[in-house]
Amino acid sequence: MERPQRSPIEIPDLLSEHIKDKVVCEIGCGEGDLLIGFAKHAKKVYGLEIQSSYYDKLRRIEESYNNIKIFYRGVSPNIELQDIPEADLYYFWIDPDWDSYLIKKIREGKMAIQKASFNKGWIEQEFNKYQGKKEYIDFVPIEDTKFNIHGGTYNEKTPLVLGILEKRNGRGHESILERYNRV
């Protein structure tokens, strides 16, 4: 099978201490291969995907794992908080504009974003807009094939960074409960 365009395969293992027996939501899960890795550690894994060309593969994964649930939709400018399943950790790496949007939208909780290491400054700048614990894991992918991230082609020697933000008292979208209490 040709390697899909996705984050490096070791991301679930790098996040294992953050997701053990917890709920993970990958926004933009592509062909779902990272979902399988997350499912080894997490209690429940949700995947959101908008590209219908991936749906057949995702359905097969969902049928094969009892702790994986796929939502066949993705992010859009009109996404509401209730469109994103509640999770203990959200993983995404769509592009900087969408990533900024999602960091703002998710009110509280852990988020993890992977970028090439030369974008670490961007992650730090984004994370510093919010209160909460920040962690950065620098790594080099173990795979020996080239992959495409954010419009650039990288290989196994490209240093990457995994930024983790445990957002507290966030300025994200109003929760459903808050909306009902306001009415």
C-alpha atoms as a PDB file:
ATOM      1  CA  MET A   1       0.000   0.000   0.000  1.00  0.00           C
ATOM      2  CA  GLU A   2       1.288   3.435  -0.854  1.00  0.00           C
ATOM      3  CA  ARG A   3       1.989   5.544   2.205  1.00  0.00           C
ATOM      4  CA  PRO A   4      -0.917   7.938   2.744  1.00  0.00           C
ATOM      5  CA  GLN A   5      -0.406  11.649   3.224  1.00  0.00           C
ATOM      6  CA  ARG A   6      -0.563  12.016   6.973  1.00  0.00           C
ATOM      7  CA  SER A   7       1.300  12.769  10.136  1.00  0.00           C
ATOM      8  CA  PRO A   8       4.190  10.469  11.029  1.00  0.00           C
ATOM      9  CA  ILE A   9       2.987   7.072  12.213  1.00  0.00           C
ATOM     10  CA  GLU A  10       4.647   7.383  15.645  1.00  0.00           C
ATOM     11  CA  ILE A  11       2.401  10.280  16.758  1.00  0.00           C
ATOM     12  CA  PRO A  12       0.039   7.998  18.768  1.00  0.00           C
ATOM     13  CA  ASP A  13       2.996   6.500  20.648  1.00  0.00           C
ATOM     14  CA  LEU A  14       4.446   9.958  21.331  1.00  0.00           C
ATOM     15  CA  LEU A  15       1.086  10.935  22.834  1.00  0.00           C
ATOM     16  CA  SER A  16       0.543   7.649  24.715  1.00  0.00           C
ATOM     17  CA  GLU A  17       0.942   9.120  28.217  1.00  0.00           C
ATOM     18  CA  HIS A  18      -1.585  11.835  27.351  1.00  0.00           C
ATOM     19  CA  ILE A  19      -4.215   9.470  25.928  1.00  0.00           C
ATOM     20  CA  LYS A  20      -3.980   6.251  27.959  1.00  0.00           C
ATOM     21  CA  ASP A  21      -7.568   5.124  28.685  1.00  0.00           C
ATOM     22  CA  LYS A  22      -8.921   8.483  27.500  1.00  0.00           C
ATOM     23  CA  VAL A  23     -10.961   9.777  24.557  1.00  0.00           C
ATOM     24  CA  VAL A  24      -9.113  11.086  21.482  1.00  0.00           C
ATOM     25  CA  CYS A  25     -10.530  13.007  18.534  1.00  0.00           C
ATOM     26  CA  GLU A  26      -8.507  13.361  15.341  1.00  0.00           C
ATOM     27  CA  ILE A  27      -9.830  16.195  13.210  1.00  0.00           C
ATOM     28  CA  GLY A  28      -8.918  15.472   9.608  1.00  0.00           C
ATOM     29  CA  CYS A  29      -8.170  11.762  10.022  1.00  0.00           C
ATOM     30  CA  GLY A  30      -7.518  11.012   6.327  1.00  0.00           C
ATOM     31  CA  GLU A  31      -7.301   7.260   5.706  1.00  0.00           C
ATOM     32  CA  GLY A  32      -7.452   6.510   9.421  1.00  0.00           C
ATOM     33  CA  ASP A  33      -4.077   4.877   9.975  1.00  0.00           C
ATOM     34  CA  LEU A  34      -3.318   7.111  12.974  1.00  0.00           C
ATOM     35  CA  LEU A  35      -6.728   6.247  14.425  1.00  0.00           C
ATOM     36  CA  ILE A  36      -5.547   2.640  14.660  1.00  0.00           C
ATOM     37  CA  GLY A  37      -2.467   3.776  16.600  1.00  0.00           C
ATOM     38  CA  PHE A  38      -4.554   5.961  18.904  1.00  0.00           C
ATOM     39  CA  ALA A  39      -6.944   3.033  19.498  1.00  0.00           C
ATOM     40  CA  LYS A  40      -4.103   0.965  21.004  1.00  0.00           C
ATOM     41  CA  HIS A  41      -3.776   3.463  23.850  1.00  0.00           C
ATOM     42  CA  ALA A  42      -7.121   5.265  24.138  1.00  0.00           C
ATOM     43  CA  LYS A  43     -10.462   4.147  25.524  1.00  0.00           C
ATOM     44  CA  LYS A  44     -12.344   5.701  22.569  1.00  0.00           C
ATOM     45  CA  VAL A  45     -11.172   7.333  19.334  1.00  0.00           C
ATOM     46  CA  TYR A  46     -13.198   9.652  17.126  1.00  0.00           C
ATOM     47  CA  GLY A  47     -12.172  10.629  13.616  1.00  0.00           C
ATOM     48  CA  LEU A  48     -13.583  13.512  11.585  1.00  0.00           C
ATOM     49  CA  GLU A  49     -13.020  13.508   7.829  1.00  0.00           C
ATOM     50  CA  ILE A  50     -14.551  15.546   5.027  1.00  0.00           C
ATOM     51  CA  GLN A  51     -12.902  13.932   1.962  1.00  0.00           C
ATOM     52  CA  SER A  52     -15.287  11.293   0.676  1.00  0.00           C
ATOM     53  CA  SER A  53     -12.483   9.484  -1.176  1.00  0.00           C
ATOM     54  CA  TYR A  54     -11.341   8.165   2.246  1.00  0.00           C
ATOM     55  CA  TYR A  55     -14.766   6.969   3.417  1.00  0.00           C
ATOM     56  CA  ASP A  56     -14.480   3.335   2.233  1.00  0.00           C
ATOM     57  CA  LYS A  57     -11.175   2.835   4.073  1.00  0.00           C
ATOM     58  CA  LEU A  58     -12.547   4.585   7.154  1.00  0.00           C
ATOM     59  CA  ARG A  59     -15.662   2.388   7.195  1.00  0.00           C
ATOM     60  CA  ARG A  60     -13.473  -0.739   7.137  1.00  0.00           C
ATOM     61  CA  ILE A  61     -11.422   0.592  10.074  1.00  0.00           C
ATOM     62  CA  GLU A  62     -14.549   1.526  12.008  1.00  0.00           C
ATOM     63  CA  GLU A  63     -15.963  -1.980  11.478  1.00  0.00           C
ATOM     64  CA  SER A  64     -12.691  -3.588  12.628  1.00  0.00           C
ATOM     65  CA  TYR A  65     -12.186  -1.645  15.885  1.00  0.00           C
ATOM     66  CA  ASN A  66     -14.857  -1.388  18.556  1.00  0.00           C
ATOM     67  CA  ASN A  67     -13.325   1.763  20.056  1.00  0.00           C
ATOM     68  CA  ILE A  68     -13.168   3.814  16.815  1.00  0.00           C
ATOM     69  CA  LYS A  69     -16.073   5.973  15.619  1.00  0.00           C
ATOM     70  CA  ILE A  70     -15.877   8.042  12.432  1.00  0.00           C
ATOM     71  CA  PHE A  71     -17.828  11.224  11.740  1.00  0.00           C
ATOM     72  CA  TYR A  72     -18.011  11.691   8.004  1.00  0.00           C
ATOM     73  CA  ARG A  73     -17.671  15.442   8.003  1.00  0.00           C
ATOM     74  CA  GLY A  74     -14.840  17.847   8.430  1.00  0.00           C
ATOM     75  CA  VAL A  75     -14.113  21.374   9.446  1.00  0.00           C
ATOM     76  CA  SER A  76     -15.598  24.394   7.749  1.00  0.00           C
ATOM     77  CA  PRO A  77     -15.951  28.062   8.635  1.00  0.00           C
ATOM     78  CA  ASN A  78     -19.388  27.231  10.037  1.00  0.00           C
ATOM     79  CA  ILE A  79     -18.294  24.416  12.351  1.00  0.00           C
ATOM     80  CA  GLU A  80     -19.878  24.591  15.777  1.00  0.00           C
ATOM     81  CA  LEU A  81     -18.519  23.115  18.970  1.00  0.00           C
ATOM     82  CA  GLN A  82     -21.281  20.516  19.036  1.00  0.00           C
ATOM     83  CA  ASP A  83     -19.971  19.246  15.664  1.00  0.00           C
ATOM     84  CA  ILE A  84     -16.756  18.150  17.381  1.00  0.00           C
ATOM     85  CA  PRO A  85     -17.143  15.139  19.706  1.00  0.00           C
ATOM     86  CA  GLU A  86     -16.112  15.714  23.299  1.00  0.00           C
ATOM     87  CA  ALA A  87     -12.633  14.320  23.918  1.00  0.00           C
ATOM     88  CA  ASP A  88      -9.737  14.422  26.351  1.00  0.00           C
ATOM     89  CA  LEU A  89      -7.275  15.202  23.535  1.00  0.00           C
ATOM     90  CA  TYR A  90      -7.792  16.668  20.066  1.00  0.00           C
ATOM     91  CA  TYR A  91      -5.180  16.001  17.379  1.00  0.00           C
ATOM     92  CA  PHE A  92      -5.045  17.959  14.130  1.00  0.00           C
ATOM     93  CA  TRP A  93      -2.496  19.336  11.658  1.00  0.00           C
ATOM     94  CA  ILE A  94      -4.562  20.720   8.815  1.00  0.00           C
ATOM     95  CA  ASP A  95      -2.711  23.964   8.088  1.00  0.00           C
ATOM     96  CA  PRO A  96      -1.785  26.982  10.210  1.00  0.00           C
ATOM     97  CA  ASP A  97      -5.005  28.934   9.499  1.00  0.00           C
ATOM     98  CA  TRP A  98      -7.284  25.989  10.320  1.00  0.00           C
ATOM     99  CA  ASP A  99      -5.143  24.981  13.278  1.00  0.00           C
ATOM    100  CA  SER A 100      -5.409  28.520  14.728  1.00  0.00           C
ATOM    101  CA  TYR A 101      -9.157  28.402  14.160  1.00  0.00           C
ATOM    102  CA  LEU A 102      -9.520  25.062  15.968  1.00  0.00           C
ATOM    103  CA  ILE A 103      -7.308  26.109  18.890  1.00  0.00           C
ATOM    104  CA  LYS A 104      -9.626  29.074  19.379  1.00  0.00           C
ATOM    105  CA  LYS A 105     -12.811  27.052  18.852  1.00  0.00           C
ATOM    106  CA  ILE A 106     -12.048  24.299  21.369  1.00  0.00           C
ATOM    107  CA  ARG A 107     -12.852  25.909  24.697  1.00  0.00           C
ATOM    108  CA  GLU A 108     -10.846  23.709  27.068  1.00  0.00           C
ATOM    109  CA  GLY A 109      -8.855  20.503  26.905  1.00  0.00           C
ATOM    110  CA  LYS A 110      -5.675  19.097  25.438  1.00  0.00           C
ATOM    111  CA  MET A 111      -4.757  19.713  21.845  1.00  0.00           C
ATOM    112  CA  ALA A 112      -1.778  18.329  19.936  1.00  0.00           C
ATOM    113  CA  ILE A 113      -0.453  19.714  16.671  1.00  0.00           C
ATOM    114  CA  GLN A 114       2.464  18.423  14.595  1.00  0.00           C
ATOM    115  CA  LYS A 115       4.552  20.661  12.362  1.00  0.00           C
ATOM    116  CA  ALA A 116       8.019  20.717  10.838  1.00  0.00           C
ATOM    117  CA  SER A 117      10.461  21.989  13.451  1.00  0.00           C
ATOM    118  CA  PHE A 118      10.992  25.286  11.633  1.00  0.00           C
ATOM    119  CA  ASN A 119       7.342  26.042  12.542  1.00  0.00           C
ATOM    120  CA  LYS A 120       7.907  25.569  16.281  1.00  0.00           C
ATOM    121  CA  GLY A 121       7.849  29.356  16.701  1.00  0.00           C
ATOM    122  CA  TRP A 122       4.386  29.438  15.153  1.00  0.00           C
ATOM    123  CA  ILE A 123       3.108  26.788  17.571  1.00  0.00           C
ATOM    124  CA  GLU A 124       4.603  28.619  20.571  1.00  0.00           C
ATOM    125  CA  GLN A 125       3.106  31.914  19.404  1.00  0.00           C
ATOM    126  CA  GLU A 126      -0.348  30.335  18.998  1.00  0.00           C
ATOM    127  CA  PHE A 127      -0.200  28.451  22.294  1.00  0.00           C
ATOM    128  CA  ASN A 128       0.937  31.569  24.179  1.00  0.00           C
ATOM    129  CA  LYS A 129      -2.394  33.230  23.335  1.00  0.00           C
ATOM    130  CA  TYR A 130      -4.030  30.846  25.816  1.00  0.00           C
ATOM    131  CA  GLN A 131      -3.691  29.876  29.438  1.00  0.00           C
ATOM    132  CA  GLY A 132      -2.641  26.331  30.117  1.00  0.00           C
ATOM    133  CA  LYS A 133       0.214  23.882  30.221  1.00  0.00           C
ATOM    134  CA  LYS A 134       2.389  23.695  27.105  1.00  0.00           C
ATOM    135  CA  GLU A 135       4.703  20.881  26.070  1.00  0.00           C
ATOM    136  CA  TYR A 136       6.848  20.359  22.979  1.00  0.00           C
ATOM    137  CA  ILE A 137       8.241  17.051  21.749  1.00  0.00           C
ATOM    138  CA  ASP A 138      10.973  17.327  19.134  1.00  0.00           C
ATOM    139  CA  PHE A 139      11.469  14.175  17.050  1.00  0.00           C
ATOM    140  CA  VAL A 140      12.545  12.825  13.685  1.00  0.00           C
ATOM    141  CA  PRO A 141      10.143  10.411  11.929  1.00  0.00           C
ATOM    142  CA  ILE A 142      11.232   6.793  11.836  1.00  0.00           C
ATOM    143  CA  GLU A 143       9.803   6.139   8.388  1.00  0.00           C
ATOM    144  CA  ASP A 144      12.160   6.022   5.449  1.00  0.00           C
ATOM    145  CA  THR A 145       9.730   7.343   2.872  1.00  0.00           C
ATOM    146  CA  LYS A 146       8.968  10.878   1.808  1.00  0.00           C
ATOM    147  CA  PHE A 147       5.763  12.508   2.898  1.00  0.00           C
ATOM    148  CA  ASN A 148       3.922  15.743   2.200  1.00  0.00           C
ATOM    149  CA  ILE A 149       3.123  18.131   5.040  1.00  0.00           C
ATOM    150  CA  HIS A 150       1.735  21.630   4.630  1.00  0.00           C
ATOM    151  CA  GLY A 151       2.713  21.972   0.989  1.00  0.00           C
ATOM    152  CA  GLY A 152       6.312  20.761   1.432  1.00  0.00           C
ATOM    153  CA  THR A 153       7.875  17.366   0.905  1.00  0.00           C
ATOM    154  CA  TYR A 154       9.965  16.032   3.769  1.00  0.00           C
ATOM    155  CA  ASN A 155      11.845  12.824   4.383  1.00  0.00           C
ATOM    156  CA  GLU A 156      12.753  10.715   7.396  1.00  0.00           C
ATOM    157  CA  LYS A 157      15.541  13.123   8.363  1.00  0.00           C
ATOM    158  CA  THR A 158      13.249  16.184   8.680  1.00  0.00           C
ATOM    159  CA  PRO A 159      13.018  17.260  12.335  1.00  0.00           C
ATOM    160  CA  LEU A 160       9.433  17.713  13.499  1.00  0.00           C
ATOM    161  CA  VAL A 161       7.806  19.068  16.628  1.00  0.00           C
ATOM    162  CA  LEU A 162       4.654  17.932  18.383  1.00  0.00           C
ATOM    163  CA  GLY A 163       3.101  20.761  20.379  1.00  0.00           C
ATOM    164  CA  ILE A 164       0.686  19.909  23.185  1.00  0.00           C
ATOM    165  CA  LEU A 165      -1.523  22.550  24.790  1.00  0.00           C
ATOM    166  CA  GLU A 166      -3.687  21.801  27.798  1.00  0.00           C
ATOM    167  CA  LYS A 167      -5.975  24.793  27.361  1.00  0.00           C
ATOM    168  CA  ARG A 168      -7.714  26.153  30.454  1.00  0.00           C
ATOM    169  CA  ASN A 169     -10.157  29.028  30.787  1.00  0.00           C
ATOM    170  CA  GLY A 170     -10.086  29.258  27.019  1.00  0.00           C
ATOM    171  CA  ARG A 171     -11.716  31.833  24.843  1.00  0.00           C
ATOM    172  CA  GLY A 172     -13.335  29.293  22.586  1.00  0.00           C
ATOM    173  CA  HIS A 173     -16.860  28.781  21.386  1.00  0.00           C
ATOM    174  CA  GLU A 174     -19.670  28.984  23.925  1.00  0.00           C
ATOM    175  CA  SER A 175     -20.606  25.518  25.172  1.00  0.00           C
ATOM    176  CA  ILE A 176     -24.029  24.027  24.550  1.00  0.00           C
ATOM    177  CA  LEU A 177     -24.724  24.075  28.302  1.00  0.00           C
ATOM    178  CA  GLU A 178     -23.812  27.765  28.534  1.00  0.00           C
ATOM    179  CA  ARG A 179     -26.063  28.540  25.591  1.00  0.00           C
ATOM    180  CA  TYR A 180     -29.046  26.756  27.211  1.00  0.00           C
ATOM    181  CA  ASN A 181     -28.421  28.439  30.546  1.00  0.00           C
ATOM    182  CA  ARG A 182     -28.361  31.831  28.839  1.00  0.00           C
ATOM    183  CA  VAL A 183     -31.808  31.312  27.245  1.00  0.00           C
END
